[in-house]
Amino acid sequence: MNDLKSFLQKHPSNKVIVVQGLGFVGSVMSLVCANAINGNYAVVGVDLPTDRGKKIIDELNSGIFPLVAEDPKIDQFYQNTISNGNFLATSDEKSIEKC
């Protein structure tokens, strides 16, 4: 499991957004929030600790967008998020308390 506390310490002045569910909609919504033009946000995506959830979490945190998307903006947003380091995927349910 990724260290939520360390992630949040890297972004002390950012508002925190937590997106519950990292299926297609949740993953893309996380990227949209992380790339907001009207503010700096630390975005935490939470999914269940199932095999599928763990696979998505691991891939998102390893630089792989795990879902098929036709819109090229999604890849652009994902690459920006990696560069900015303002997104963390986790199964830590305590992250919801941080938003």
PDB file of N, CA and C in Angstrom:
ATOM      1  N   MET A   1       0.849  -1.180   0.000  1.00  0.00           N
ATOM      2  CA  MET A   1       0.000   0.000   0.000  1.00  0.00           C
ATOM      3  C   MET A   1       0.894   1.244   0.000  1.00  0.00           C
ATOM      4  N   ASN A   2       0.507   2.241  -0.758  1.00  0.00           N
ATOM      5  CA  ASN A   2       1.277   3.461  -0.847  1.00  0.00           C
ATOM      6  C   ASN A   2       1.072   4.303   0.402  1.00  0.00           C
ATOM      7  N   ASP A   3       2.057   5.115   0.685  1.00  0.00           N
ATOM      8  CA  ASP A   3       2.037   5.874   1.917  1.00  0.00           C
ATOM      9  C   ASP A   3       1.265   7.178   1.742  1.00  0.00           C
ATOM     10  N   LEU A   4       0.041   7.185   2.197  1.00  0.00           N
ATOM     11  CA  LEU A   4      -0.828   8.344   2.104  1.00  0.00           C
ATOM     12  C   LEU A   4      -0.254   9.537   2.865  1.00  0.00           C
ATOM     13  N   LYS A   5       0.266   9.282   4.048  1.00  0.00           N
ATOM     14  CA  LYS A   5       0.819  10.365   4.874  1.00  0.00           C
ATOM     15  C   LYS A   5       1.968  11.069   4.159  1.00  0.00           C
ATOM     16  N   SER A   6       2.876  10.324   3.571  1.00  0.00           N
ATOM     17  CA  SER A   6       4.003  10.916   2.835  1.00  0.00           C
ATOM     18  C   SER A   6       3.513  11.720   1.646  1.00  0.00           C
ATOM     19  N   PHE A   7       2.534  11.178   0.935  1.00  0.00           N
ATOM     20  CA  PHE A   7       1.978  11.883  -0.222  1.00  0.00           C
ATOM     21  C   PHE A   7       1.404  13.231   0.202  1.00  0.00           C
ATOM     22  N   LEU A   8       0.612  13.239   1.260  1.00  0.00           N
ATOM     23  CA  LEU A   8      -0.015  14.480   1.710  1.00  0.00           C
ATOM     24  C   LEU A   8       1.011  15.465   2.258  1.00  0.00           C
ATOM     25  N   GLN A   9       2.089  14.983   2.854  1.00  0.00           N
ATOM     26  CA  GLN A   9       3.145  15.869   3.349  1.00  0.00           C
ATOM     27  C   GLN A   9       3.867  16.570   2.202  1.00  0.00           C
ATOM     28  N   LYS A  10       3.881  15.964   1.033  1.00  0.00           N
ATOM     29  CA  LYS A  10       4.515  16.583  -0.141  1.00  0.00           C
ATOM     30  C   LYS A  10       3.655  17.709  -0.711  1.00  0.00           C
ATOM     31  N   HIS A  11       2.402  17.775  -0.290  1.00  0.00           N
ATOM     32  CA  HIS A  11       1.461  18.761  -0.820  1.00  0.00           C
ATOM     33  C   HIS A  11       0.739  19.484   0.319  1.00  0.00           C
ATOM     34  N   PRO A  12       1.481  20.106   1.232  1.00  0.00           N
ATOM     35  CA  PRO A  12       0.834  20.678   2.418  1.00  0.00           C
ATOM     36  C   PRO A  12      -0.123  21.833   2.131  1.00  0.00           C
ATOM     37  N   SER A  13       0.102  22.576   1.060  1.00  0.00           N
ATOM     38  CA  SER A  13      -0.769  23.722   0.793  1.00  0.00           C
ATOM     39  C   SER A  13      -1.892  23.397  -0.195  1.00  0.00           C
ATOM     40  N   ASN A  14      -1.889  22.206  -0.719  1.00  0.00           N
ATOM     41  CA  ASN A  14      -2.921  21.825  -1.681  1.00  0.00           C
ATOM     42  C   ASN A  14      -4.195  21.364  -0.984  1.00  0.00           C
ATOM     43  N   LYS A  15      -5.307  21.688  -1.585  1.00  0.00           N
ATOM     44  CA  LYS A  15      -6.572  21.113  -1.136  1.00  0.00           C
ATOM     45  C   LYS A  15      -6.557  19.655  -1.568  1.00  0.00           C
ATOM     46  N   VAL A  16      -7.214  18.799  -0.791  1.00  0.00           N
ATOM     47  CA  VAL A  16      -7.212  17.365  -1.083  1.00  0.00           C
ATOM     48  C   VAL A  16      -8.584  16.958  -1.626  1.00  0.00           C
ATOM     49  N   ILE A  17      -8.544  16.240  -2.736  1.00  0.00           N
ATOM     50  CA  ILE A  17      -9.750  15.667  -3.332  1.00  0.00           C
ATOM     51  C   ILE A  17      -9.589  14.161  -3.287  1.00  0.00           C
ATOM     52  N   VAL A  18     -10.623  13.477  -2.830  1.00  0.00           N
ATOM     53  CA  VAL A  18     -10.615  12.017  -2.844  1.00  0.00           C
ATOM     54  C   VAL A  18     -11.715  11.549  -3.794  1.00  0.00           C
ATOM     55  N   VAL A  19     -11.326  10.687  -4.723  1.00  0.00           N
ATOM     56  CA  VAL A  19     -12.282  10.104  -5.666  1.00  0.00           C
ATOM     57  C   VAL A  19     -12.426   8.633  -5.303  1.00  0.00           C
ATOM     58  N   GLN A  20     -13.643   8.242  -5.006  1.00  0.00           N
ATOM     59  CA  GLN A  20     -13.891   6.855  -4.614  1.00  0.00           C
ATOM     60  C   GLN A  20     -14.264   6.045  -5.844  1.00  0.00           C
ATOM     61  N   GLY A  21     -13.488   5.004  -6.110  1.00  0.00           N
ATOM     62  CA  GLY A  21     -13.709   4.141  -7.270  1.00  0.00           C
ATOM     63  C   GLY A  21     -12.779   4.532  -8.401  1.00  0.00           C
ATOM     64  N   LEU A  22     -11.963   3.603  -8.857  1.00  0.00           N
ATOM     65  CA  LEU A  22     -11.007   3.886  -9.919  1.00  0.00           C
ATOM     66  C   LEU A  22     -11.289   3.091 -11.191  1.00  0.00           C
ATOM     67  N   GLY A  23     -12.566   2.855 -11.450  1.00  0.00           N
ATOM     68  CA  GLY A  23     -12.939   2.328 -12.752  1.00  0.00           C
ATOM     69  C   GLY A  23     -12.701   3.430 -13.769  1.00  0.00           C
ATOM     70  N   PHE A  24     -13.250   3.303 -14.948  1.00  0.00           N
ATOM     71  CA  PHE A  24     -12.995   4.306 -15.987  1.00  0.00           C
ATOM     72  C   PHE A  24     -13.403   5.707 -15.541  1.00  0.00           C
ATOM     73  N   VAL A  25     -14.617   5.853 -15.052  1.00  0.00           N
ATOM     74  CA  VAL A  25     -15.108   7.184 -14.670  1.00  0.00           C
ATOM     75  C   VAL A  25     -14.276   7.767 -13.532  1.00  0.00           C
ATOM     76  N   GLY A  26     -14.019   6.996 -12.494  1.00  0.00           N
ATOM     77  CA  GLY A  26     -13.251   7.495 -11.360  1.00  0.00           C
ATOM     78  C   GLY A  26     -11.815   7.829 -11.718  1.00  0.00           C
ATOM     79  N   SER A  27     -11.182   7.000 -12.534  1.00  0.00           N
ATOM     80  CA  SER A  27      -9.805   7.271 -12.949  1.00  0.00           C
ATOM     81  C   SER A  27      -9.724   8.560 -13.755  1.00  0.00           C
ATOM     82  N   VAL A  28     -10.636   8.727 -14.697  1.00  0.00           N
ATOM     83  CA  VAL A  28     -10.629   9.938 -15.516  1.00  0.00           C
ATOM     84  C   VAL A  28     -10.986  11.157 -14.668  1.00  0.00           C
ATOM     85  N   MET A  29     -11.951  11.027 -13.773  1.00  0.00           N
ATOM     86  CA  MET A  29     -12.308  12.149 -12.902  1.00  0.00           C
ATOM     87  C   MET A  29     -11.123  12.560 -12.029  1.00  0.00           C
ATOM     88  N   SER A  30     -10.360  11.588 -11.557  1.00  0.00           N
ATOM     89  CA  SER A  30      -9.162  11.887 -10.772  1.00  0.00           C
ATOM     90  C   SER A  30      -8.182  12.727 -11.584  1.00  0.00           C
ATOM     91  N   LEU A  31      -7.993  12.355 -12.847  1.00  0.00           N
ATOM     92  CA  LEU A  31      -7.077  13.104 -13.712  1.00  0.00           C
ATOM     93  C   LEU A  31      -7.578  14.512 -13.977  1.00  0.00           C
ATOM     94  N   VAL A  32      -8.868  14.647 -14.194  1.00  0.00           N
ATOM     95  CA  VAL A  32      -9.440  15.974 -14.425  1.00  0.00           C
ATOM     96  C   VAL A  32      -9.216  16.860 -13.202  1.00  0.00           C
ATOM     97  N   CYS A  33      -9.464  16.336 -12.025  1.00  0.00           N
ATOM     98  CA  CYS A  33      -9.253  17.109 -10.788  1.00  0.00           C
ATOM     99  C   CYS A  33      -7.781  17.466 -10.593  1.00  0.00           C
ATOM    100  N   ALA A  34      -6.907  16.532 -10.875  1.00  0.00           N
ATOM    101  CA  ALA A  34      -5.463  16.768 -10.704  1.00  0.00           C
ATOM    102  C   ALA A  34      -4.937  17.794 -11.701  1.00  0.00           C
ATOM    103  N   ASN A  35      -5.657  18.000 -12.789  1.00  0.00           N
ATOM    104  CA  ASN A  35      -5.250  18.958 -13.814  1.00  0.00           C
ATOM    105  C   ASN A  35      -6.118  20.214 -13.816  1.00  0.00           C
ATOM    106  N   ALA A  36      -6.794  20.481 -12.723  1.00  0.00           N
ATOM    107  CA  ALA A  36      -7.673  21.644 -12.635  1.00  0.00           C
ATOM    108  C   ALA A  36      -6.889  22.923 -12.915  1.00  0.00           C
ATOM    109  N   ILE A  37      -7.499  23.830 -13.653  1.00  0.00           N
ATOM    110  CA  ILE A  37      -6.808  25.083 -13.978  1.00  0.00           C
ATOM    111  C   ILE A  37      -7.032  26.151 -12.911  1.00  0.00           C
ATOM    112  N   ASN A  38      -7.974  25.933 -12.023  1.00  0.00           N
ATOM    113  CA  ASN A  38      -8.292  26.930 -10.998  1.00  0.00           C
ATOM    114  C   ASN A  38      -7.883  26.488  -9.603  1.00  0.00           C
ATOM    115  N   GLY A  39      -6.716  25.907  -9.473  1.00  0.00           N
ATOM    116  CA  GLY A  39      -6.255  25.523  -8.145  1.00  0.00           C
ATOM    117  C   GLY A  39      -5.288  24.363  -8.202  1.00  0.00           C
ATOM    118  N   ASN A  40      -4.587  24.177  -7.114  1.00  0.00           N
ATOM    119  CA  ASN A  40      -3.667  23.052  -6.987  1.00  0.00           C
ATOM    120  C   ASN A  40      -4.264  22.054  -6.012  1.00  0.00           C
ATOM    121  N   TYR A  41      -4.433  20.851  -6.494  1.00  0.00           N
ATOM    122  CA  TYR A  41      -5.066  19.821  -5.692  1.00  0.00           C
ATOM    123  C   TYR A  41      -4.180  18.600  -5.572  1.00  0.00           C
ATOM    124  N   ALA A  42      -4.199  17.991  -4.399  1.00  0.00           N
ATOM    125  CA  ALA A  42      -3.611  16.674  -4.189  1.00  0.00           C
ATOM    126  C   ALA A  42      -4.787  15.714  -4.327  1.00  0.00           C
ATOM    127  N   VAL A  43      -4.719  14.825  -5.297  1.00  0.00           N
ATOM    128  CA  VAL A  43      -5.845  13.950  -5.608  1.00  0.00           C
ATOM    129  C   VAL A  43      -5.510  12.523  -5.198  1.00  0.00           C
ATOM    130  N   VAL A  44      -6.412  11.937  -4.437  1.00  0.00           N
ATOM    131  CA  VAL A  44      -6.256  10.562  -3.985  1.00  0.00           C
ATOM    132  C   VAL A  44      -7.401   9.743  -4.578  1.00  0.00           C
ATOM    133  N   GLY A  45      -7.051   8.715  -5.337  1.00  0.00           N
ATOM    134  CA  GLY A  45      -8.049   7.799  -5.883  1.00  0.00           C
ATOM    135  C   GLY A  45      -8.091   6.556  -5.019  1.00  0.00           C
ATOM    136  N   VAL A  46      -9.276   6.166  -4.596  1.00  0.00           N
ATOM    137  CA  VAL A  46      -9.428   5.018  -3.697  1.00  0.00           C
ATOM    138  C   VAL A  46     -10.219   3.919  -4.400  1.00  0.00           C
ATOM    139  N   ASP A  47      -9.714   2.711  -4.320  1.00  0.00           N
ATOM    140  CA  ASP A  47     -10.460   1.570  -4.833  1.00  0.00           C
ATOM    141  C   ASP A  47     -10.388   0.444  -3.814  1.00  0.00           C
ATOM    142  N   LEU A  48     -11.211  -0.546  -4.024  1.00  0.00           N
ATOM    143  CA  LEU A  48     -11.253  -1.689  -3.118  1.00  0.00           C
ATOM    144  C   LEU A  48      -9.979  -2.526  -3.222  1.00  0.00           C
ATOM    145  N   PRO A  49      -9.594  -3.202  -2.151  1.00  0.00           N
ATOM    146  CA  PRO A  49      -8.394  -4.041  -2.188  1.00  0.00           C
ATOM    147  C   PRO A  49      -8.657  -5.416  -2.814  1.00  0.00           C
ATOM    148  N   THR A  50      -9.452  -5.443  -3.877  1.00  0.00           N
ATOM    149  CA  THR A  50      -9.686  -6.685  -4.617  1.00  0.00           C
ATOM    150  C   THR A  50      -8.540  -6.882  -5.605  1.00  0.00           C
ATOM    151  N   ASP A  51      -8.491  -8.015  -6.267  1.00  0.00           N
ATOM    152  CA  ASP A  51      -7.442  -8.230  -7.273  1.00  0.00           C
ATOM    153  C   ASP A  51      -7.500  -7.160  -8.353  1.00  0.00           C
ATOM    154  N   ARG A  52      -8.709  -6.866  -8.841  1.00  0.00           N
ATOM    155  CA  ARG A  52      -8.864  -5.846  -9.888  1.00  0.00           C
ATOM    156  C   ARG A  52      -8.463  -4.469  -9.360  1.00  0.00           C
ATOM    157  N   GLY A  53      -8.931  -4.117  -8.169  1.00  0.00           N
ATOM    158  CA  GLY A  53      -8.597  -2.824  -7.572  1.00  0.00           C
ATOM    159  C   GLY A  53      -7.102  -2.668  -7.362  1.00  0.00           C
ATOM    160  N   LYS A  54      -6.452  -3.703  -6.846  1.00  0.00           N
ATOM    161  CA  LYS A  54      -5.005  -3.652  -6.616  1.00  0.00           C
ATOM    162  C   LYS A  54      -4.245  -3.485  -7.926  1.00  0.00           C
ATOM    163  N   LYS A  55      -4.715  -4.155  -8.976  1.00  0.00           N
ATOM    164  CA  LYS A  55      -4.059  -4.048 -10.291  1.00  0.00           C
ATOM    165  C   LYS A  55      -4.153  -2.607 -10.811  1.00  0.00           C
ATOM    166  N   ILE A  56      -5.331  -2.020 -10.720  1.00  0.00           N
ATOM    167  CA  ILE A  56      -5.509  -0.633 -11.170  1.00  0.00           C
ATOM    168  C   ILE A  56      -4.652   0.310 -10.343  1.00  0.00           C
ATOM    169  N   ILE A  57      -4.664   0.145  -9.037  1.00  0.00           N
ATOM    170  CA  ILE A  57      -3.870   0.995  -8.145  1.00  0.00           C
ATOM    171  C   ILE A  57      -2.392   0.886  -8.485  1.00  0.00           C
ATOM    172  N   ASP A  58      -1.891  -0.335  -8.597  1.00  0.00           N
ATOM    173  CA  ASP A  58      -0.471  -0.538  -8.911  1.00  0.00           C
ATOM    174  C   ASP A  58      -0.094   0.082 -10.248  1.00  0.00           C
ATOM    175  N   GLU A  59      -0.933  -0.105 -11.255  1.00  0.00           N
ATOM    176  CA  GLU A  59      -0.615   0.438 -12.576  1.00  0.00           C
ATOM    177  C   GLU A  59      -0.658   1.959 -12.569  1.00  0.00           C
ATOM    178  N   LEU A  60      -1.672   2.555 -11.964  1.00  0.00           N
ATOM    179  CA  LEU A  60      -1.744   4.017 -11.909  1.00  0.00           C
ATOM    180  C   LEU A  60      -0.535   4.612 -11.206  1.00  0.00           C
ATOM    181  N   ASN A  61      -0.086   3.980 -10.133  1.00  0.00           N
ATOM    182  CA  ASN A  61       1.066   4.487  -9.393  1.00  0.00           C
ATOM    183  C   ASN A  61       2.400   4.170 -10.065  1.00  0.00           C
ATOM    184  N   SER A  62       2.372   3.288 -11.065  1.00  0.00           N
ATOM    185  CA  SER A  62       3.604   2.894 -11.764  1.00  0.00           C
ATOM    186  C   SER A  62       3.760   3.573 -13.122  1.00  0.00           C
ATOM    187  N   GLY A  63       2.876   4.504 -13.445  1.00  0.00           N
ATOM    188  CA  GLY A  63       2.998   5.218 -14.708  1.00  0.00           C
ATOM    189  C   GLY A  63       2.271   4.584 -15.876  1.00  0.00           C
ATOM    190  N   ILE A  64       1.331   3.688 -15.578  1.00  0.00           N
ATOM    191  CA  ILE A  64       0.562   3.026 -16.628  1.00  0.00           C
ATOM    192  C   ILE A  64      -0.913   3.361 -16.417  1.00  0.00           C
ATOM    193  N   PHE A  65      -1.543   3.969 -17.429  1.00  0.00           N
ATOM    194  CA  PHE A  65      -2.990   4.185 -17.320  1.00  0.00           C
ATOM    195  C   PHE A  65      -3.648   2.879 -17.716  1.00  0.00           C
ATOM    196  N   PRO A  66      -4.334   2.213 -16.794  1.00  0.00           N
ATOM    197  CA  PRO A  66      -4.762   0.826 -16.993  1.00  0.00           C
ATOM    198  C   PRO A  66      -6.029   0.616 -17.814  1.00  0.00           C
ATOM    199  N   LEU A  67      -6.618   1.681 -18.297  1.00  0.00           N
ATOM    200  CA  LEU A  67      -7.884   1.554 -18.997  1.00  0.00           C
ATOM    201  C   LEU A  67      -7.768   2.110 -20.415  1.00  0.00           C
ATOM    202  N   VAL A  68      -8.535   1.569 -21.328  1.00  0.00           N
ATOM    203  CA  VAL A  68      -8.510   2.016 -22.720  1.00  0.00           C
ATOM    204  C   VAL A  68      -9.338   3.287 -22.844  1.00  0.00           C
ATOM    205  N   ALA A  69      -8.711   4.308 -23.437  1.00  0.00           N
ATOM    206  CA  ALA A  69      -9.393   5.581 -23.624  1.00  0.00           C
ATOM    207  C   ALA A  69      -9.081   6.120 -25.012  1.00  0.00           C
ATOM    208  N   GLU A  70     -10.097   6.560 -25.718  1.00  0.00           N
ATOM    209  CA  GLU A  70      -9.915   7.081 -27.065  1.00  0.00           C
ATOM    210  C   GLU A  70      -9.499   8.543 -27.073  1.00  0.00           C
ATOM    211  N   ASP A  71      -9.863   9.281 -26.051  1.00  0.00           N
ATOM    212  CA  ASP A  71      -9.579  10.714 -26.001  1.00  0.00           C
ATOM    213  C   ASP A  71      -8.105  10.943 -25.665  1.00  0.00           C
ATOM    214  N   PRO A  72      -7.337  11.607 -26.557  1.00  0.00           N
ATOM    215  CA  PRO A  72      -5.911  11.842 -26.291  1.00  0.00           C
ATOM    216  C   PRO A  72      -5.662  12.751 -25.089  1.00  0.00           C
ATOM    217  N   LYS A  73      -6.662  13.528 -24.693  1.00  0.00           N
ATOM    218  CA  LYS A  73      -6.514  14.390 -23.510  1.00  0.00           C
ATOM    219  C   LYS A  73      -6.293  13.573 -22.255  1.00  0.00           C
ATOM    220  N   ILE A  74      -6.850  12.378 -22.211  1.00  0.00           N
ATOM    221  CA  ILE A  74      -6.706  11.545 -21.025  1.00  0.00           C
ATOM    222  C   ILE A  74      -5.232  11.200 -20.822  1.00  0.00           C
ATOM    223  N   ASP A  75      -4.549  10.806 -21.885  1.00  0.00           N
ATOM    224  CA  ASP A  75      -3.117  10.505 -21.766  1.00  0.00           C
ATOM    225  C   ASP A  75      -2.332  11.761 -21.406  1.00  0.00           C
ATOM    226  N   GLN A  76      -2.684  12.879 -21.996  1.00  0.00           N
ATOM    227  CA  GLN A  76      -2.017  14.147 -21.674  1.00  0.00           C
ATOM    228  C   GLN A  76      -2.199  14.493 -20.198  1.00  0.00           C
ATOM    229  N   PHE A  77      -3.433  14.383 -19.703  1.00  0.00           N
ATOM    230  CA  PHE A  77      -3.701  14.658 -18.291  1.00  0.00           C
ATOM    231  C   PHE A  77      -2.937  13.688 -17.391  1.00  0.00           C
ATOM    232  N   TYR A  78      -2.886  12.426 -17.779  1.00  0.00           N
ATOM    233  CA  TYR A  78      -2.177  11.433 -16.969  1.00  0.00           C
ATOM    234  C   TYR A  78      -0.685  11.759 -16.916  1.00  0.00           C
ATOM    235  N   GLN A  79      -0.093  12.115 -18.053  1.00  0.00           N
ATOM    236  CA  GLN A  79       1.326  12.467 -18.075  1.00  0.00           C
ATOM    237  C   GLN A  79       1.592  13.718 -17.241  1.00  0.00           C
ATOM    238  N   ASN A  80       0.709  14.710 -17.301  1.00  0.00           N
ATOM    239  CA  ASN A  80       0.851  15.907 -16.461  1.00  0.00           C
ATOM    240  C   ASN A  80       0.793  15.547 -14.979  1.00  0.00           C
ATOM    241  N   THR A  81      -0.108  14.653 -14.642  1.00  0.00           N
ATOM    242  CA  THR A  81      -0.269  14.226 -13.258  1.00  0.00           C
ATOM    243  C   THR A  81       0.984  13.522 -12.751  1.00  0.00           C
ATOM    244  N   ILE A  82       1.575  12.685 -13.596  1.00  0.00           N
ATOM    245  CA  ILE A  82       2.831  12.021 -13.223  1.00  0.00           C
ATOM    246  C   ILE A  82       3.919  13.061 -12.999  1.00  0.00           C
ATOM    247  N   SER A  83       4.024  14.021 -13.916  1.00  0.00           N
ATOM    248  CA  SER A  83       5.047  15.074 -13.789  1.00  0.00           C
ATOM    249  C   SER A  83       4.850  15.910 -12.533  1.00  0.00           C
ATOM    250  N   ASN A  84       3.584  16.226 -12.231  1.00  0.00           N
ATOM    251  CA  ASN A  84       3.284  17.061 -11.065  1.00  0.00           C
ATOM    252  C   ASN A  84       3.323  16.283  -9.757  1.00  0.00           C
ATOM    253  N   GLY A  85       3.184  14.970  -9.834  1.00  0.00           N
ATOM    254  CA  GLY A  85       3.208  14.146  -8.624  1.00  0.00           C
ATOM    255  C   GLY A  85       2.056  14.413  -7.679  1.00  0.00           C
ATOM    256  N   ASN A  86       0.925  14.854  -8.213  1.00  0.00           N
ATOM    257  CA  ASN A  86      -0.193  15.224  -7.333  1.00  0.00           C
ATOM    258  C   ASN A  86      -1.352  14.234  -7.359  1.00  0.00           C
ATOM    259  N   PHE A  87      -1.047  12.988  -7.685  1.00  0.00           N
ATOM    260  CA  PHE A  87      -2.064  11.944  -7.667  1.00  0.00           C
ATOM    261  C   PHE A  87      -1.509  10.692  -7.009  1.00  0.00           C
ATOM    262  N   LEU A  88      -2.321  10.078  -6.180  1.00  0.00           N
ATOM    263  CA  LEU A  88      -1.971   8.812  -5.545  1.00  0.00           C
ATOM    264  C   LEU A  88      -3.179   7.896  -5.610  1.00  0.00           C
ATOM    265  N   ALA A  89      -2.971   6.674  -6.048  1.00  0.00           N
ATOM    266  CA  ALA A  89      -4.018   5.654  -6.007  1.00  0.00           C
ATOM    267  C   ALA A  89      -3.743   4.762  -4.802  1.00  0.00           C
ATOM    268  N   THR A  90      -4.803   4.385  -4.099  1.00  0.00           N
ATOM    269  CA  THR A  90      -4.647   3.597  -2.888  1.00  0.00           C
ATOM    270  C   THR A  90      -5.928   2.811  -2.589  1.00  0.00           C
ATOM    271  N   SER A  91      -5.799   1.865  -1.693  1.00  0.00           N
ATOM    272  CA  SER A  91      -6.988   1.188  -1.169  1.00  0.00           C
ATOM    273  C   SER A  91      -7.199   1.575   0.304  1.00  0.00           C
ATOM    274  N   ASP A  92      -6.458   2.566   0.777  1.00  0.00           N
ATOM    275  CA  ASP A  92      -6.546   3.022   2.163  1.00  0.00           C
ATOM    276  C   ASP A  92      -7.818   3.840   2.375  1.00  0.00           C
ATOM    277  N   GLU A  93      -8.808   3.241   3.021  1.00  0.00           N
ATOM    278  CA  GLU A  93     -10.086   3.916   3.224  1.00  0.00           C
ATOM    279  C   GLU A  93      -9.968   5.139   4.131  1.00  0.00           C
ATOM    280  N   LYS A  94      -8.896   5.247   4.891  1.00  0.00           N
ATOM    281  CA  LYS A  94      -8.706   6.414   5.755  1.00  0.00           C
ATOM    282  C   LYS A  94      -8.457   7.690   4.955  1.00  0.00           C
ATOM    283  N   SER A  95      -8.140   7.544   3.670  1.00  0.00           N
ATOM    284  CA  SER A  95      -7.894   8.715   2.836  1.00  0.00           C
ATOM    285  C   SER A  95      -9.135   9.587   2.722  1.00  0.00           C
ATOM    286  N   ILE A  96     -10.304   9.015   2.853  1.00  0.00           N
ATOM    287  CA  ILE A  96     -11.538   9.784   2.750  1.00  0.00           C
ATOM    288  C   ILE A  96     -11.616  10.831   3.859  1.00  0.00           C
ATOM    289  N   GLU A  97     -11.023  10.549   4.999  1.00  0.00           N
ATOM    290  CA  GLU A  97     -11.001  11.496   6.116  1.00  0.00           C
ATOM    291  C   GLU A  97     -10.156  12.730   5.812  1.00  0.00           C
ATOM    292  N   LYS A  98      -9.291  12.656   4.811  1.00  0.00           N
ATOM    293  CA  LYS A  98      -8.326  13.729   4.542  1.00  0.00           C
ATOM    294  C   LYS A  98      -8.859  14.809   3.603  1.00  0.00           C
ATOM    295  N   CYS A  99     -10.007  14.560   3.001  1.00  0.00           N
ATOM    296  CA  CYS A  99     -10.499  15.561   2.036  1.00  0.00           C
ATOM    297  C   CYS A  99     -11.375  16.592   2.725  1.00  0.00           C
TER     298      CYS A  99
END
